[in-house]
Protein backbone atom coordinates (compact mmCIF):
# COMPACT_ATOMS: atom_id res chain seq x y z
CA MET A 1 7.62 -25.67 58.14
CA LEU A 2 10.41 -23.34 59.22
CA THR A 3 12.17 -23.83 62.53
CA GLU A 4 12.78 -21.05 65.04
CA LYS A 5 16.35 -20.79 63.75
CA ASP A 6 15.11 -20.45 60.13
CA ILE A 7 12.67 -17.70 61.11
CA GLN A 8 15.31 -15.81 63.08
CA TYR A 9 17.79 -16.02 60.18
CA ARG A 10 15.27 -14.68 57.65
CA CYS A 11 14.02 -11.87 59.91
CA ALA A 12 17.54 -10.74 60.75
CA LYS A 13 18.87 -11.00 57.20
CA SER A 14 15.92 -9.13 55.67
CA LYS A 15 15.61 -6.60 58.52
CA ALA A 16 11.87 -7.32 58.47
CA SER A 17 9.66 -4.90 60.37
CA VAL A 18 6.52 -7.08 60.32
CA PHE A 19 6.06 -10.80 60.97
CA VAL A 20 2.88 -12.43 59.65
CA GLY A 21 2.03 -16.05 60.38
CA ASP A 22 -0.45 -18.57 61.69
CA GLY A 23 -0.48 -19.60 65.35
CA ALA A 24 2.29 -22.18 64.95
CA SER A 25 4.56 -19.78 63.06
CA VAL A 26 3.97 -16.96 65.56
CA ALA A 27 4.78 -19.33 68.44
CA LYS A 28 8.11 -20.17 66.78
CA PHE A 29 8.83 -16.50 66.10
CA LEU A 30 8.15 -15.58 69.73
CA GLU A 31 10.90 -18.04 70.78
CA VAL A 32 13.47 -15.95 68.87
CA ARG A 33 11.80 -12.53 69.18
CA ASP A 34 14.69 -11.01 71.12
CA LYS A 35 17.06 -11.84 68.22
CA CYS A 36 14.86 -9.98 65.71
CA PRO A 37 15.04 -6.33 66.84
CA SER A 38 13.82 -4.89 63.53
CA VAL A 39 10.40 -6.61 63.85
CA ARG A 40 8.00 -4.09 65.36
CA THR A 41 4.65 -5.70 64.51
CA ILE A 42 3.44 -9.30 64.77
CA LEU A 43 0.27 -10.18 62.87
CA GLN A 44 -1.38 -13.55 63.44
CA VAL A 45 -3.83 -15.19 61.07
CA GLY A 46 -6.37 -17.50 62.71
CA ASP A 47 -5.83 -19.72 65.76
CA VAL A 48 -5.86 -18.61 69.41
CA LEU A 49 -4.02 -15.30 69.58
CA HIS A 50 -0.56 -15.40 71.17
CA PRO A 51 0.34 -12.62 73.62
CA GLY A 52 2.13 -9.85 71.74
CA ALA A 53 0.49 -10.66 68.40
CA ASN A 54 -2.20 -8.61 66.70
CA PRO A 55 -5.11 -10.35 64.97
CA PHE A 56 -4.65 -9.89 61.21
CA CYS A 57 -8.32 -9.66 60.20
CA ALA A 58 -9.27 -7.41 63.11
CA SER A 59 -6.35 -5.13 62.21
CA LEU A 60 -7.71 -4.78 58.68
CA GLU A 61 -11.11 -3.83 60.06
CA LEU A 62 -9.51 -0.85 61.88
CA ILE A 63 -8.72 0.80 58.55
CA GLU A 64 -11.26 3.54 57.89
CA ALA A 65 -13.46 3.11 54.82
CA ASP A 66 -12.27 6.41 53.34
CA ALA A 67 -8.57 5.76 54.04
CA SER A 68 -6.21 6.45 51.19
CA VAL A 69 -2.63 5.64 50.36
CA GLU A 70 -0.30 8.25 48.96
CA ASP A 71 1.06 7.32 45.56
CA VAL A 72 4.78 6.76 45.93
CA ARG A 73 6.97 6.74 42.84
CA ARG A 74 9.90 4.36 43.07
CA ASP A 75 13.01 4.11 40.95
CA TRP A 76 12.98 1.08 38.67
CA ASN A 77 15.71 -0.57 40.76
CA SER A 78 13.98 -0.09 44.15
CA PRO A 79 13.14 -3.36 45.91
CA ALA A 80 9.66 -4.70 45.23
CA LEU A 81 9.90 -8.18 46.75
CA LEU A 82 12.37 -10.23 48.79
CA TYR A 83 12.26 -13.98 49.19
CA PHE A 84 14.64 -16.73 50.24
CA THR A 85 15.88 -19.72 48.27
CA SER A 86 15.44 -23.20 49.74
CA GLY A 87 19.01 -23.33 50.99
CA THR A 88 19.58 -26.88 49.78
CA SER A 89 23.30 -26.32 49.11
CA GLY A 90 24.02 -23.96 52.02
CA PRO A 91 22.30 -21.16 53.91
CA PRO A 92 19.22 -19.76 52.13
CA LYS A 93 20.03 -16.81 49.89
CA MET A 94 17.91 -13.68 49.91
CA VAL A 95 16.64 -12.88 46.40
CA ARG A 96 15.65 -9.31 45.64
CA HIS A 97 13.34 -8.37 42.80
CA ASN A 98 13.12 -4.74 41.78
CA GLN A 99 10.17 -2.80 40.36
CA VAL A 100 10.87 -4.21 36.87
CA SER A 101 12.29 -7.71 37.35
CA TYR A 102 9.40 -9.07 39.39
CA PRO A 103 6.56 -7.99 37.06
CA LEU A 104 8.52 -9.15 33.99
CA GLY A 105 9.03 -12.56 35.56
CA GLY A 106 5.37 -13.34 34.87
CA PHE A 107 5.66 -12.94 31.11
CA PRO A 108 5.82 -16.22 29.21
CA CYS A 109 8.92 -16.82 27.13
CA THR A 110 8.12 -19.29 24.38
CA SER A 111 9.15 -19.74 20.79
CA ASN A 112 5.57 -18.90 19.72
CA TYR A 113 6.44 -15.21 19.67
CA SER A 114 8.07 -13.56 16.71
CA VAL A 115 9.84 -10.25 16.47
CA ASN A 116 8.98 -8.03 13.51
CA THR A 117 11.97 -6.18 12.18
């Protein structure tokens, strides 16, 4: 649903290095590609592949079965997730969750819990 301008704003603001989208989203991104210098990789899910995009599923299949990922310890305040608000009252704001705030956001907060003192 984003326009080319919306995509460019988010890529530039976040300094994204990867863009992932369906055919329609990748087509929009390619219109503003030159304004998003931090994006080094374009992954496309489904649809007829656009020139310059890599097929997402085929890229996953290139990973060797015995591949491993090195465990990386992060400080509690290191970014874990970035997303953008809807921008209904102005430009969308980038929201950063750290290694603690995002996981804790999934815990329910109801009055059914009691604290034993």
